[in-house]
Amino acid sequence: MLVERGGWFFVGDSVTEQHFFSMSCMLYPHVRATPDYSLTGGSGPRDWPQHLYLNPSSPLVTQLKLPSGFDIERTPLVTFRRVDLLFDTHELDSIHRAIHSGGNASTEIPDTLFGPKASESYNLSPKAYLEQFMQPLPEGNYKTLIVSTAGHWTTGSLPGARDPEDIQAGATNPGVYKTDDKS
């Protein structure tokens, strides 16, 4: 199915990464995974693209009808991109400033959602991961985009979204995009 009908492209946080890992276990030995983390001591940058490719030695290869342009070495079946907040920091700050600009903007609203107290998160512009999703054969052949993230949408990752009246509050899900309390 992933060969003949198109692959899956996962975008999300560590929970989504675990779904990707589970798929690699379920599809083994018919797929090979990249990057090979054994070469880097078992880990690497968390935002590296991770891919599952059809294993050329799989007995399934002879049963599949490979699409024209499909390259076993270059065409991923499944890809995972670690993107915790679905946007890069500049895009989120721009959205934040646009929402809080105007007549009812409080001077308490910070100019950025991030800063030195922000917990680590991996961010990438939708432009970057959608360009990868849309790549034609042989570099891509995706038909399904799966987006799943939520755990990082807290004031731990976005300290600029903390309630200015209660800045000591722990990491909570902020009302980041609430534009008008009176409506």
C-alpha atoms as a PDB file:
ATOM      1  CA  MET A   1       0.000   0.000   0.000  1.00  0.00           C
ATOM      2  CA  LEU A   2       2.713   2.542   0.956  1.00  0.00           C
ATOM      3  CA  VAL A   3       4.595   1.735  -2.243  1.00  0.00           C
ATOM      4  CA  GLU A   4       1.747   1.557  -4.738  1.00  0.00           C
ATOM      5  CA  ARG A   5      -0.664   4.122  -3.255  1.00  0.00           C
ATOM      6  CA  GLY A   6       1.787   6.602  -1.740  1.00  0.00           C
ATOM      7  CA  GLY A   7       3.581   7.091   1.534  1.00  0.00           C
ATOM      8  CA  TRP A   8       2.798   8.687   4.856  1.00  0.00           C
ATOM      9  CA  PHE A   9       4.403  11.888   6.138  1.00  0.00           C
ATOM     10  CA  PHE A  10       4.269  12.429   9.921  1.00  0.00           C
ATOM     11  CA  VAL A  11       4.702  15.903  11.435  1.00  0.00           C
ATOM     12  CA  GLY A  12       4.617  16.228  15.198  1.00  0.00           C
ATOM     13  CA  ASP A  13       6.188  15.929  18.612  1.00  0.00           C
ATOM     14  CA  SER A  14       7.780  13.044  20.518  1.00  0.00           C
ATOM     15  CA  VAL A  15       4.474  11.155  20.743  1.00  0.00           C
ATOM     16  CA  THR A  16       4.220  11.244  16.947  1.00  0.00           C
ATOM     17  CA  GLU A  17       7.841  10.110  16.791  1.00  0.00           C
ATOM     18  CA  GLN A  18       6.866   7.053  18.840  1.00  0.00           C
ATOM     19  CA  HIS A  19       4.097   6.270  16.332  1.00  0.00           C
ATOM     20  CA  PHE A  20       6.735   6.415  13.588  1.00  0.00           C
ATOM     21  CA  PHE A  21       9.002   4.122  15.614  1.00  0.00           C
ATOM     22  CA  SER A  22       6.127   1.672  16.165  1.00  0.00           C
ATOM     23  CA  MET A  23       5.510   1.584  12.413  1.00  0.00           C
ATOM     24  CA  SER A  24       9.168   0.781  11.808  1.00  0.00           C
ATOM     25  CA  CYS A  25       8.905  -2.144  14.240  1.00  0.00           C
ATOM     26  CA  MET A  26       5.688  -3.438  12.662  1.00  0.00           C
ATOM     27  CA  LEU A  27       7.077  -3.225   9.125  1.00  0.00           C
ATOM     28  CA  TYR A  28      10.486  -4.737   9.947  1.00  0.00           C
ATOM     29  CA  PRO A  29      12.228  -6.527   8.133  1.00  0.00           C
ATOM     30  CA  HIS A  30      10.506  -5.143   5.036  1.00  0.00           C
ATOM     31  CA  VAL A  31      11.795  -1.611   5.638  1.00  0.00           C
ATOM     32  CA  ARG A  32      15.078   0.028   6.517  1.00  0.00           C
ATOM     33  CA  ALA A  33      15.265   3.175   8.625  1.00  0.00           C
ATOM     34  CA  THR A  34      17.442   6.259   8.227  1.00  0.00           C
ATOM     35  CA  PRO A  35      19.353   7.923   9.685  1.00  0.00           C
ATOM     36  CA  ASP A  36      21.351   5.090  11.224  1.00  0.00           C
ATOM     37  CA  TYR A  37      21.630   6.306  14.814  1.00  0.00           C
ATOM     38  CA  SER A  38      24.130   3.549  15.684  1.00  0.00           C
ATOM     39  CA  LEU A  39      26.729   5.637  13.829  1.00  0.00           C
ATOM     40  CA  THR A  40      26.185   8.551  16.234  1.00  0.00           C
ATOM     41  CA  GLY A  41      26.139   6.587  19.480  1.00  0.00           C
ATOM     42  CA  GLY A  42      22.426   5.842  19.425  1.00  0.00           C
ATOM     43  CA  SER A  43      21.079   9.352  19.048  1.00  0.00           C
ATOM     44  CA  GLY A  44      21.254  12.415  16.899  1.00  0.00           C
ATOM     45  CA  PRO A  45      19.564  15.768  16.525  1.00  0.00           C
ATOM     46  CA  ARG A  46      15.870  15.235  17.245  1.00  0.00           C
ATOM     47  CA  ASP A  47      14.799  17.339  14.285  1.00  0.00           C
ATOM     48  CA  TRP A  48      16.571  15.253  11.648  1.00  0.00           C
ATOM     49  CA  PRO A  49      14.148  13.864   9.072  1.00  0.00           C
ATOM     50  CA  GLN A  50      13.634  10.155   9.724  1.00  0.00           C
ATOM     51  CA  HIS A  51      12.630   7.829   6.893  1.00  0.00           C
ATOM     52  CA  LEU A  52      11.492   4.268   6.276  1.00  0.00           C
ATOM     53  CA  TYR A  53      12.473   2.849   2.881  1.00  0.00           C
ATOM     54  CA  LEU A  54      11.492  -0.410   1.260  1.00  0.00           C
ATOM     55  CA  ASN A  55      14.186  -2.976   2.057  1.00  0.00           C
ATOM     56  CA  PRO A  56      15.504  -4.298  -1.291  1.00  0.00           C
ATOM     57  CA  SER A  57      15.949  -7.767   0.255  1.00  0.00           C
ATOM     58  CA  SER A  58      12.314  -7.985   1.390  1.00  0.00           C
ATOM     59  CA  PRO A  59      10.414 -10.858  -0.235  1.00  0.00           C
ATOM     60  CA  LEU A  60       7.568  -8.372  -0.809  1.00  0.00           C
ATOM     61  CA  VAL A  61       9.569  -6.501  -3.465  1.00  0.00           C
ATOM     62  CA  THR A  62       8.793  -9.095  -6.146  1.00  0.00           C
ATOM     63  CA  GLN A  63       5.060  -8.878  -5.358  1.00  0.00           C
ATOM     64  CA  LEU A  64       4.814  -5.086  -5.625  1.00  0.00           C
ATOM     65  CA  LYS A  65       4.108  -2.971  -8.667  1.00  0.00           C
ATOM     66  CA  LEU A  66       6.531  -0.073  -8.226  1.00  0.00           C
ATOM     67  CA  PRO A  67       5.217   3.230  -9.608  1.00  0.00           C
ATOM     68  CA  SER A  68       7.154   4.719 -12.512  1.00  0.00           C
ATOM     69  CA  GLY A  69      10.033   6.729 -11.023  1.00  0.00           C
ATOM     70  CA  PHE A  70      10.012   4.862  -7.678  1.00  0.00           C
ATOM     71  CA  ASP A  71      13.582   4.266  -6.468  1.00  0.00           C
ATOM     72  CA  ILE A  72      14.017   1.770  -3.610  1.00  0.00           C
ATOM     73  CA  GLU A  73      17.138   3.640  -2.464  1.00  0.00           C
ATOM     74  CA  ARG A  74      15.644   7.166  -2.589  1.00  0.00           C
ATOM     75  CA  THR A  75      11.842   7.011  -2.269  1.00  0.00           C
ATOM     76  CA  PRO A  76      10.688   6.964   1.364  1.00  0.00           C
ATOM     77  CA  LEU A  77       7.572   5.035   2.356  1.00  0.00           C
ATOM     78  CA  VAL A  78       7.185   6.917   5.629  1.00  0.00           C
ATOM     79  CA  THR A  79       8.858  10.097   6.884  1.00  0.00           C
ATOM     80  CA  PHE A  80       8.782  11.746  10.298  1.00  0.00           C
ATOM     81  CA  ARG A  81       9.634  15.407  10.962  1.00  0.00           C
ATOM     82  CA  ARG A  82       9.908  16.598  14.556  1.00  0.00           C
ATOM     83  CA  VAL A  83       7.935  19.839  14.647  1.00  0.00           C
ATOM     84  CA  ASP A  84       6.578  20.601  18.116  1.00  0.00           C
ATOM     85  CA  LEU A  85       4.666  23.821  17.434  1.00  0.00           C
ATOM     86  CA  LEU A  86       3.893  23.404  13.698  1.00  0.00           C
ATOM     87  CA  PHE A  87       5.435  26.802  12.890  1.00  0.00           C
ATOM     88  CA  ASP A  88       8.875  28.329  13.312  1.00  0.00           C
ATOM     89  CA  THR A  89       9.395  30.806  16.145  1.00  0.00           C
ATOM     90  CA  HIS A  90       9.313  33.884  13.879  1.00  0.00           C
ATOM     91  CA  GLU A  91       5.940  32.852  12.421  1.00  0.00           C
ATOM     92  CA  LEU A  92       4.445  32.238  15.871  1.00  0.00           C
ATOM     93  CA  ASP A  93       5.731  35.583  17.136  1.00  0.00           C
ATOM     94  CA  SER A  94       4.261  37.303  14.079  1.00  0.00           C
ATOM     95  CA  ILE A  95       0.862  35.670  14.704  1.00  0.00           C
ATOM     96  CA  HIS A  96       1.095  36.597  18.402  1.00  0.00           C
ATOM     97  CA  ARG A  97       1.884  40.260  17.628  1.00  0.00           C
ATOM     98  CA  ALA A  98      -0.896  40.479  15.010  1.00  0.00           C
ATOM     99  CA  ILE A  99      -3.497  39.088  17.397  1.00  0.00           C
ATOM    100  CA  HIS A 100      -2.491  41.353  20.257  1.00  0.00           C
ATOM    101  CA  SER A 101      -2.025  44.549  18.243  1.00  0.00           C
ATOM    102  CA  GLY A 102      -4.658  47.221  18.055  1.00  0.00           C
ATOM    103  CA  GLY A 103      -6.809  49.158  20.469  1.00  0.00           C
ATOM    104  CA  ASN A 104      -7.363  46.482  23.122  1.00  0.00           C
ATOM    105  CA  ALA A 105      -3.728  45.348  23.308  1.00  0.00           C
ATOM    106  CA  SER A 106      -2.356  45.357  26.822  1.00  0.00           C
ATOM    107  CA  THR A 107       1.093  46.756  27.493  1.00  0.00           C
ATOM    108  CA  GLU A 108       1.626  43.573  29.530  1.00  0.00           C
ATOM    109  CA  ILE A 109       1.697  41.417  26.376  1.00  0.00           C
ATOM    110  CA  PRO A 110       5.333  40.530  25.550  1.00  0.00           C
ATOM    111  CA  ASP A 111       6.647  41.022  22.022  1.00  0.00           C
ATOM    112  CA  THR A 112       7.727  37.361  21.817  1.00  0.00           C
ATOM    113  CA  LEU A 113       6.234  34.070  22.932  1.00  0.00           C
ATOM    114  CA  PHE A 114       9.721  32.645  23.478  1.00  0.00           C
ATOM    115  CA  GLY A 115      12.832  33.787  25.309  1.00  0.00           C
ATOM    116  CA  PRO A 116      15.425  32.374  27.689  1.00  0.00           C
ATOM    117  CA  LYS A 117      12.830  30.651  29.896  1.00  0.00           C
ATOM    118  CA  ALA A 118      11.235  28.731  27.016  1.00  0.00           C
ATOM    119  CA  SER A 119      11.607  24.973  27.202  1.00  0.00           C
ATOM    120  CA  GLU A 120      13.319  23.318  24.253  1.00  0.00           C
ATOM    121  CA  SER A 121      11.139  22.715  21.240  1.00  0.00           C
ATOM    122  CA  TYR A 122      11.800  21.820  17.617  1.00  0.00           C
ATOM    123  CA  ASN A 123      10.157  24.209  15.214  1.00  0.00           C
ATOM    124  CA  LEU A 124       9.920  24.354  11.465  1.00  0.00           C
ATOM    125  CA  SER A 125       7.870  26.451   9.085  1.00  0.00           C
ATOM    126  CA  PRO A 126       4.958  24.691   7.353  1.00  0.00           C
ATOM    127  CA  LYS A 127       6.543  25.908   4.114  1.00  0.00           C
ATOM    128  CA  ALA A 128       9.544  23.627   4.753  1.00  0.00           C
ATOM    129  CA  TYR A 129       7.683  20.455   5.666  1.00  0.00           C
ATOM    130  CA  LEU A 130       4.923  20.937   3.078  1.00  0.00           C
ATOM    131  CA  GLU A 131       7.570  21.354   0.353  1.00  0.00           C
ATOM    132  CA  GLN A 132       9.036  18.021   1.453  1.00  0.00           C
ATOM    133  CA  PHE A 133       5.574  16.421   1.557  1.00  0.00           C
ATOM    134  CA  MET A 134       4.842  17.598  -2.011  1.00  0.00           C
ATOM    135  CA  GLN A 135       8.091  16.313  -3.560  1.00  0.00           C
ATOM    136  CA  PRO A 136       7.526  14.120  -6.613  1.00  0.00           C
ATOM    137  CA  LEU A 137       9.124  10.756  -7.244  1.00  0.00           C
ATOM    138  CA  PRO A 138      11.816   9.665  -6.647  1.00  0.00           C
ATOM    139  CA  GLU A 139      12.441  11.860  -3.544  1.00  0.00           C
ATOM    140  CA  GLY A 140       8.823  11.713  -2.438  1.00  0.00           C
ATOM    141  CA  ASN A 141       5.616   9.868  -3.113  1.00  0.00           C
ATOM    142  CA  TYR A 142       3.494  10.910  -0.159  1.00  0.00           C
ATOM    143  CA  LYS A 143      -0.281  10.718  -0.229  1.00  0.00           C
ATOM    144  CA  THR A 144      -1.094  11.132   3.474  1.00  0.00           C
ATOM    145  CA  LEU A 145      -0.018  13.933   5.821  1.00  0.00           C
ATOM    146  CA  ILE A 146      -0.458  13.106   9.514  1.00  0.00           C
ATOM    147  CA  VAL A 147      -0.109  16.068  11.888  1.00  0.00           C
ATOM    148  CA  SER A 148      -0.225  15.514  15.628  1.00  0.00           C
ATOM    149  CA  THR A 149       1.080  17.791  18.346  1.00  0.00           C
ATOM    150  CA  ALA A 150      -0.279  19.328  21.509  1.00  0.00           C
ATOM    151  CA  GLY A 151       1.973  18.718  24.485  1.00  0.00           C
ATOM    152  CA  HIS A 152       4.238  21.650  23.684  1.00  0.00           C
ATOM    153  CA  TRP A 153       1.449  24.230  23.430  1.00  0.00           C
ATOM    154  CA  THR A 154       1.967  25.298  27.041  1.00  0.00           C
ATOM    155  CA  THR A 155       3.517  28.280  28.743  1.00  0.00           C
ATOM    156  CA  GLY A 156       6.578  26.087  29.314  1.00  0.00           C
ATOM    157  CA  SER A 157       7.347  26.310  25.592  1.00  0.00           C
ATOM    158  CA  LEU A 158       5.666  29.691  25.162  1.00  0.00           C
ATOM    159  CA  PRO A 159       6.500  31.716  28.304  1.00  0.00           C
ATOM    160  CA  GLY A 160       5.379  34.920  26.569  1.00  0.00           C
ATOM    161  CA  ALA A 161       1.820  33.571  26.697  1.00  0.00           C
ATOM    162  CA  ARG A 162       1.745  33.412  30.500  1.00  0.00           C
ATOM    163  CA  ASP A 163      -1.041  35.263  32.229  1.00  0.00           C
ATOM    164  CA  PRO A 164       0.515  38.666  33.049  1.00  0.00           C
ATOM    165  CA  GLU A 165      -1.555  38.683  36.259  1.00  0.00           C
ATOM    166  CA  ASP A 166      -0.122  35.322  37.405  1.00  0.00           C
ATOM    167  CA  ILE A 167       3.412  35.016  36.048  1.00  0.00           C
ATOM    168  CA  GLN A 168       4.320  32.459  38.727  1.00  0.00           C
ATOM    169  CA  ALA A 169       1.799  29.920  37.402  1.00  0.00           C
ATOM    170  CA  GLY A 170       3.318  26.691  36.125  1.00  0.00           C
ATOM    171  CA  ALA A 171       3.267  25.490  32.541  1.00  0.00           C
ATOM    172  CA  THR A 172      -0.365  25.623  31.517  1.00  0.00           C
ATOM    173  CA  ASN A 173      -2.242  25.612  28.242  1.00  0.00           C
ATOM    174  CA  PRO A 174      -2.464  29.310  27.477  1.00  0.00           C
ATOM    175  CA  GLY A 175      -5.267  31.210  25.855  1.00  0.00           C
ATOM    176  CA  VAL A 176      -2.644  32.398  23.371  1.00  0.00           C
ATOM    177  CA  TYR A 177      -5.078  33.171  20.617  1.00  0.00           C
ATOM    178  CA  LYS A 178      -7.941  34.622  22.614  1.00  0.00           C
ATOM    179  CA  THR A 179      -8.372  37.998  20.986  1.00  0.00           C
ATOM    180  CA  ASP A 180     -11.015  39.685  23.099  1.00  0.00           C
ATOM    181  CA  ASP A 181     -12.141  38.684  26.594  1.00  0.00           C
ATOM    182  CA  LYS A 182     -15.314  40.784  26.295  1.00  0.00           C
ATOM    183  CA  SER A 183     -16.824  39.165  23.201  1.00  0.00           C
END
